[in-house]
Amino acid sequence: MEFDTALNPADGESANYLRSLVPLGRYGTPEEVAGVVAFLAGRRAAFMTRSVLTIDGGMNA
């Protein structure tokens, strides 16, 4: 999964290559991760147990 960080900038020298590895073709955003976290912390996920949710833009699909 790719996120724009100081160690992995979206405009860095290997950014285009890394984006090519992600089926969605872009870096993820903090808001996308926060949405999953909010879901897991909410009532709709109250009956979920032992689940693994991968937030990687499809890299491990």
PDB file of N, CA and C in Angstrom:
ATOM      1  N   MET A   1       0.839  -1.164   0.000  1.00  0.00           N
ATOM      2  CA  MET A   1       0.000   0.000   0.000  1.00  0.00           C
ATOM      3  C   MET A   1       0.883   1.224   0.000  1.00  0.00           C
ATOM      4  N   GLU A   2       0.436   2.211  -0.679  1.00  0.00           N
ATOM      5  CA  GLU A   2       1.233   3.419  -0.809  1.00  0.00           C
ATOM      6  C   GLU A   2       0.474   4.624  -0.283  1.00  0.00           C
ATOM      7  N   PHE A   3       1.156   5.364   0.596  1.00  0.00           N
ATOM      8  CA  PHE A   3       0.614   6.599   1.142  1.00  0.00           C
ATOM      9  C   PHE A   3       1.692   7.663   1.039  1.00  0.00           C
ATOM     10  N   ASP A   4       1.296   8.870   0.785  1.00  0.00           N
ATOM     11  CA  ASP A   4       2.220   9.997   0.657  1.00  0.00           C
ATOM     12  C   ASP A   4       2.750  10.366   2.035  1.00  0.00           C
ATOM     13  N   THR A   5       4.018  10.061   2.284  1.00  0.00           N
ATOM     14  CA  THR A   5       4.666  10.376   3.554  1.00  0.00           C
ATOM     15  C   THR A   5       6.030  10.992   3.275  1.00  0.00           C
ATOM     16  N   ALA A   6       6.681  11.476   4.317  1.00  0.00           N
ATOM     17  CA  ALA A   6       8.018  12.052   4.156  1.00  0.00           C
ATOM     18  C   ALA A   6       9.012  11.006   3.640  1.00  0.00           C
ATOM     19  N   LEU A   7       8.844   9.756   4.049  1.00  0.00           N
ATOM     20  CA  LEU A   7       9.751   8.696   3.608  1.00  0.00           C
ATOM     21  C   LEU A   7       9.344   8.091   2.271  1.00  0.00           C
ATOM     22  N   ASN A   8       8.105   8.333   1.846  1.00  0.00           N
ATOM     23  CA  ASN A   8       7.592   7.773   0.603  1.00  0.00           C
ATOM     24  C   ASN A   8       6.746   8.834  -0.115  1.00  0.00           C
ATOM     25  N   PRO A   9       7.384   9.912  -0.577  1.00  0.00           N
ATOM     26  CA  PRO A   9       6.621  11.014  -1.163  1.00  0.00           C
ATOM     27  C   PRO A   9       5.967  10.648  -2.498  1.00  0.00           C
ATOM     28  N   ALA A  10       4.772  11.158  -2.706  1.00  0.00           N
ATOM     29  CA  ALA A  10       4.031  10.884  -3.941  1.00  0.00           C
ATOM     30  C   ALA A  10       4.703  11.497  -5.156  1.00  0.00           C
ATOM     31  N   ASP A  11       5.642  12.405  -4.936  1.00  0.00           N
ATOM     32  CA  ASP A  11       6.372  12.994  -6.059  1.00  0.00           C
ATOM     33  C   ASP A  11       7.844  12.573  -6.042  1.00  0.00           C
ATOM     34  N   GLY A  12       8.156  11.509  -5.293  1.00  0.00           N
ATOM     35  CA  GLY A  12       9.532  11.015  -5.210  1.00  0.00           C
ATOM     36  C   GLY A  12       9.965  10.304  -6.487  1.00  0.00           C
ATOM     37  N   GLU A  13      11.241   9.947  -6.536  1.00  0.00           N
ATOM     38  CA  GLU A  13      11.794   9.364  -7.760  1.00  0.00           C
ATOM     39  C   GLU A  13      11.214   7.998  -8.110  1.00  0.00           C
ATOM     40  N   SER A  14      10.717   7.253  -7.141  1.00  0.00           N
ATOM     41  CA  SER A  14      10.131   5.945  -7.444  1.00  0.00           C
ATOM     42  C   SER A  14       8.603   5.929  -7.345  1.00  0.00           C
ATOM     43  N   ALA A  15       7.998   7.108  -7.218  1.00  0.00           N
ATOM     44  CA  ALA A  15       6.546   7.206  -7.030  1.00  0.00           C
ATOM     45  C   ALA A  15       5.763   6.612  -8.201  1.00  0.00           C
ATOM     46  N   ASN A  16       6.168   6.894  -9.420  1.00  0.00           N
ATOM     47  CA  ASN A  16       5.435   6.352 -10.572  1.00  0.00           C
ATOM     48  C   ASN A  16       5.494   4.835 -10.608  1.00  0.00           C
ATOM     49  N   TYR A  17       6.651   4.276 -10.288  1.00  0.00           N
ATOM     50  CA  TYR A  17       6.769   2.814 -10.246  1.00  0.00           C
ATOM     51  C   TYR A  17       5.869   2.234  -9.156  1.00  0.00           C
ATOM     52  N   LEU A  18       5.897   2.836  -7.969  1.00  0.00           N
ATOM     53  CA  LEU A  18       5.066   2.336  -6.868  1.00  0.00           C
ATOM     54  C   LEU A  18       3.585   2.438  -7.198  1.00  0.00           C
ATOM     55  N   ARG A  19       3.179   3.537  -7.841  1.00  0.00           N
ATOM     56  CA  ARG A  19       1.778   3.677  -8.254  1.00  0.00           C
ATOM     57  C   ARG A  19       1.389   2.597  -9.251  1.00  0.00           C
ATOM     58  N   SER A  20       2.324   2.193 -10.087  1.00  0.00           N
ATOM     59  CA  SER A  20       2.025   1.159 -11.090  1.00  0.00           C
ATOM     60  C   SER A  20       1.770  -0.197 -10.440  1.00  0.00           C
ATOM     61  N   LEU A  21       2.216  -0.396  -9.223  1.00  0.00           N
ATOM     62  CA  LEU A  21       1.998  -1.656  -8.517  1.00  0.00           C
ATOM     63  C   LEU A  21       0.618  -1.737  -7.872  1.00  0.00           C
ATOM     64  N   VAL A  22      -0.034  -0.590  -7.706  1.00  0.00           N
ATOM     65  CA  VAL A  22      -1.338  -0.520  -7.052  1.00  0.00           C
ATOM     66  C   VAL A  22      -2.427  -0.537  -8.129  1.00  0.00           C
ATOM     67  N   PRO A  23      -3.344  -1.516  -8.106  1.00  0.00           N
ATOM     68  CA  PRO A  23      -4.385  -1.569  -9.125  1.00  0.00           C
ATOM     69  C   PRO A  23      -5.200  -0.277  -9.266  1.00  0.00           C
ATOM     70  N   LEU A  24      -5.419   0.454  -8.178  1.00  0.00           N
ATOM     71  CA  LEU A  24      -6.144   1.714  -8.292  1.00  0.00           C
ATOM     72  C   LEU A  24      -5.286   2.809  -8.927  1.00  0.00           C
ATOM     73  N   GLY A  25      -3.977   2.588  -9.009  1.00  0.00           N
ATOM     74  CA  GLY A  25      -3.080   3.513  -9.702  1.00  0.00           C
ATOM     75  C   GLY A  25      -2.812   4.824  -9.004  1.00  0.00           C
ATOM     76  N   ARG A  26      -2.979   4.853  -7.697  1.00  0.00           N
ATOM     77  CA  ARG A  26      -2.748   6.100  -6.956  1.00  0.00           C
ATOM     78  C   ARG A  26      -2.369   5.783  -5.513  1.00  0.00           C
ATOM     79  N   TYR A  27      -1.894   6.797  -4.840  1.00  0.00           N
ATOM     80  CA  TYR A  27      -1.590   6.684  -3.417  1.00  0.00           C
ATOM     81  C   TYR A  27      -2.890   6.761  -2.624  1.00  0.00           C
ATOM     82  N   GLY A  28      -2.947   6.084  -1.486  1.00  0.00           N
ATOM     83  CA  GLY A  28      -4.100   6.167  -0.605  1.00  0.00           C
ATOM     84  C   GLY A  28      -4.071   7.453   0.200  1.00  0.00           C
ATOM     85  N   THR A  29      -5.200   7.774   0.797  1.00  0.00           N
ATOM     86  CA  THR A  29      -5.282   8.995   1.604  1.00  0.00           C
ATOM     87  C   THR A  29      -5.573   8.640   3.061  1.00  0.00           C
ATOM     88  N   PRO A  30      -5.180   9.510   3.972  1.00  0.00           N
ATOM     89  CA  PRO A  30      -5.498   9.265   5.384  1.00  0.00           C
ATOM     90  C   PRO A  30      -7.006   9.151   5.619  1.00  0.00           C
ATOM     91  N   GLU A  31      -7.794   9.896   4.851  1.00  0.00           N
ATOM     92  CA  GLU A  31      -9.249   9.854   5.003  1.00  0.00           C
ATOM     93  C   GLU A  31      -9.806   8.470   4.659  1.00  0.00           C
ATOM     94  N   GLU A  32      -9.196   7.790   3.704  1.00  0.00           N
ATOM     95  CA  GLU A  32      -9.653   6.451   3.333  1.00  0.00           C
ATOM     96  C   GLU A  32      -9.397   5.456   4.463  1.00  0.00           C
ATOM     97  N   VAL A  33      -8.266   5.576   5.110  1.00  0.00           N
ATOM     98  CA  VAL A  33      -7.974   4.717   6.253  1.00  0.00           C
ATOM     99  C   VAL A  33      -8.888   5.085   7.418  1.00  0.00           C
ATOM    100  N   ALA A  34      -9.100   6.369   7.631  1.00  0.00           N
ATOM    101  CA  ALA A  34      -9.965   6.820   8.727  1.00  0.00           C
ATOM    102  C   ALA A  34     -11.385   6.316   8.555  1.00  0.00           C
ATOM    103  N   GLY A  35     -11.854   6.213   7.322  1.00  0.00           N
ATOM    104  CA  GLY A  35     -13.195   5.701   7.076  1.00  0.00           C
ATOM    105  C   GLY A  35     -13.350   4.260   7.528  1.00  0.00           C
ATOM    106  N   VAL A  36     -12.332   3.453   7.281  1.00  0.00           N
ATOM    107  CA  VAL A  36     -12.368   2.055   7.717  1.00  0.00           C
ATOM    108  C   VAL A  36     -12.307   1.982   9.242  1.00  0.00           C
ATOM    109  N   VAL A  37     -11.456   2.792   9.839  1.00  0.00           N
ATOM    110  CA  VAL A  37     -11.340   2.822  11.301  1.00  0.00           C
ATOM    111  C   VAL A  37     -12.663   3.255  11.927  1.00  0.00           C
ATOM    112  N   ALA A  38     -13.300   4.261  11.351  1.00  0.00           N
ATOM    113  CA  ALA A  38     -14.589   4.730  11.875  1.00  0.00           C
ATOM    114  C   ALA A  38     -15.645   3.634  11.774  1.00  0.00           C
ATOM    115  N   PHE A  39     -15.648   2.902  10.674  1.00  0.00           N
ATOM    116  CA  PHE A  39     -16.584   1.793  10.529  1.00  0.00           C
ATOM    117  C   PHE A  39     -16.352   0.748  11.615  1.00  0.00           C
ATOM    118  N   LEU A  40     -15.105   0.364  11.807  1.00  0.00           N
ATOM    119  CA  LEU A  40     -14.782  -0.668  12.797  1.00  0.00           C
ATOM    120  C   LEU A  40     -15.116  -0.231  14.220  1.00  0.00           C
ATOM    121  N   ALA A  41     -15.045   1.060  14.468  1.00  0.00           N
ATOM    122  CA  ALA A  41     -15.339   1.570  15.807  1.00  0.00           C
ATOM    123  C   ALA A  41     -16.843   1.810  16.021  1.00  0.00           C
ATOM    124  N   GLY A  42     -17.620   1.701  14.967  1.00  0.00           N
ATOM    125  CA  GLY A  42     -19.040   2.004  15.059  1.00  0.00           C
ATOM    126  C   GLY A  42     -19.919   0.788  15.307  1.00  0.00           C
ATOM    127  N   ARG A  43     -21.204   1.057  15.436  1.00  0.00           N
ATOM    128  CA  ARG A  43     -22.197   0.019  15.722  1.00  0.00           C
ATOM    129  C   ARG A  43     -22.317  -1.014  14.609  1.00  0.00           C
ATOM    130  N   ARG A  44     -22.157  -0.602  13.370  1.00  0.00           N
ATOM    131  CA  ARG A  44     -22.339  -1.527  12.250  1.00  0.00           C
ATOM    132  C   ARG A  44     -21.314  -2.650  12.243  1.00  0.00           C
ATOM    133  N   ALA A  45     -20.218  -2.470  12.930  1.00  0.00           N
ATOM    134  CA  ALA A  45     -19.195  -3.506  12.992  1.00  0.00           C
ATOM    135  C   ALA A  45     -19.230  -4.260  14.323  1.00  0.00           C
ATOM    136  N   ALA A  46     -20.244  -4.022  15.132  1.00  0.00           N
ATOM    137  CA  ALA A  46     -20.295  -4.595  16.482  1.00  0.00           C
ATOM    138  C   ALA A  46     -20.312  -6.120  16.493  1.00  0.00           C
ATOM    139  N   PHE A  47     -20.812  -6.749  15.440  1.00  0.00           N
ATOM    140  CA  PHE A  47     -20.913  -8.207  15.420  1.00  0.00           C
ATOM    141  C   PHE A  47     -19.741  -8.850  14.668  1.00  0.00           C
ATOM    142  N   MET A  48     -18.806  -8.047  14.216  1.00  0.00           N
ATOM    143  CA  MET A  48     -17.638  -8.573  13.497  1.00  0.00           C
ATOM    144  C   MET A  48     -16.628  -9.121  14.497  1.00  0.00           C
ATOM    145  N   THR A  49     -16.089 -10.274  14.182  1.00  0.00           N
ATOM    146  CA  THR A  49     -15.017 -10.842  14.992  1.00  0.00           C
ATOM    147  C   THR A  49     -13.951 -11.431  14.080  1.00  0.00           C
ATOM    148  N   ARG A  50     -12.732 -11.337  14.492  1.00  0.00           N
ATOM    149  CA  ARG A  50     -11.600 -11.954  13.823  1.00  0.00           C
ATOM    150  C   ARG A  50     -11.576 -11.733  12.316  1.00  0.00           C
ATOM    151  N   SER A  51     -11.746 -10.512  11.899  1.00  0.00           N
ATOM    152  CA  SER A  51     -11.709 -10.177  10.483  1.00  0.00           C
ATOM    153  C   SER A  51     -10.424  -9.428  10.158  1.00  0.00           C
ATOM    154  N   VAL A  52      -9.953  -9.610   8.948  1.00  0.00           N
ATOM    155  CA  VAL A  52      -8.801  -8.867   8.459  1.00  0.00           C
ATOM    156  C   VAL A  52      -9.263  -8.019   7.290  1.00  0.00           C
ATOM    157  N   LEU A  53      -9.130  -6.726   7.423  1.00  0.00           N
ATOM    158  CA  LEU A  53      -9.482  -5.807   6.339  1.00  0.00           C
ATOM    159  C   LEU A  53      -8.187  -5.210   5.805  1.00  0.00           C
ATOM    160  N   THR A  54      -7.951  -5.378   4.547  1.00  0.00           N
ATOM    161  CA  THR A  54      -6.729  -4.872   3.941  1.00  0.00           C
ATOM    162  C   THR A  54      -7.044  -3.575   3.208  1.00  0.00           C
ATOM    163  N   ILE A  55      -6.336  -2.533   3.558  1.00  0.00           N
ATOM    164  CA  ILE A  55      -6.532  -1.213   2.946  1.00  0.00           C
ATOM    165  C   ILE A  55      -5.296  -0.938   2.095  1.00  0.00           C
ATOM    166  N   ASP A  56      -5.316  -1.444   0.860  1.00  0.00           N
ATOM    167  CA  ASP A  56      -4.102  -1.337   0.052  1.00  0.00           C
ATOM    168  C   ASP A  56      -4.357  -0.998  -1.408  1.00  0.00           C
ATOM    169  N   GLY A  57      -5.534  -0.534  -1.740  1.00  0.00           N
ATOM    170  CA  GLY A  57      -5.824  -0.152  -3.125  1.00  0.00           C
ATOM    171  C   GLY A  57      -5.849  -1.329  -4.079  1.00  0.00           C
ATOM    172  N   GLY A  58      -5.936  -2.528  -3.554  1.00  0.00           N
ATOM    173  CA  GLY A  58      -6.014  -3.722  -4.396  1.00  0.00           C
ATOM    174  C   GLY A  58      -4.689  -4.443  -4.604  1.00  0.00           C
ATOM    175  N   MET A  59      -3.628  -4.007  -3.957  1.00  0.00           N
ATOM    176  CA  MET A  59      -2.298  -4.615  -4.182  1.00  0.00           C
ATOM    177  C   MET A  59      -2.278  -6.104  -3.855  1.00  0.00           C
ATOM    178  N   ASN A  60      -2.992  -6.517  -2.831  1.00  0.00           N
ATOM    179  CA  ASN A  60      -2.957  -7.916  -2.420  1.00  0.00           C
ATOM    180  C   ASN A  60      -4.140  -8.721  -2.942  1.00  0.00           C
ATOM    181  N   ALA A  61      -4.886  -8.136  -3.849  1.00  0.00           N
ATOM    182  CA  ALA A  61      -6.069  -8.824  -4.388  1.00  0.00           C
ATOM    183  C   ALA A  61      -5.681  -9.970  -5.307  1.00  0.00           C
TER     184      ALA A  61
END
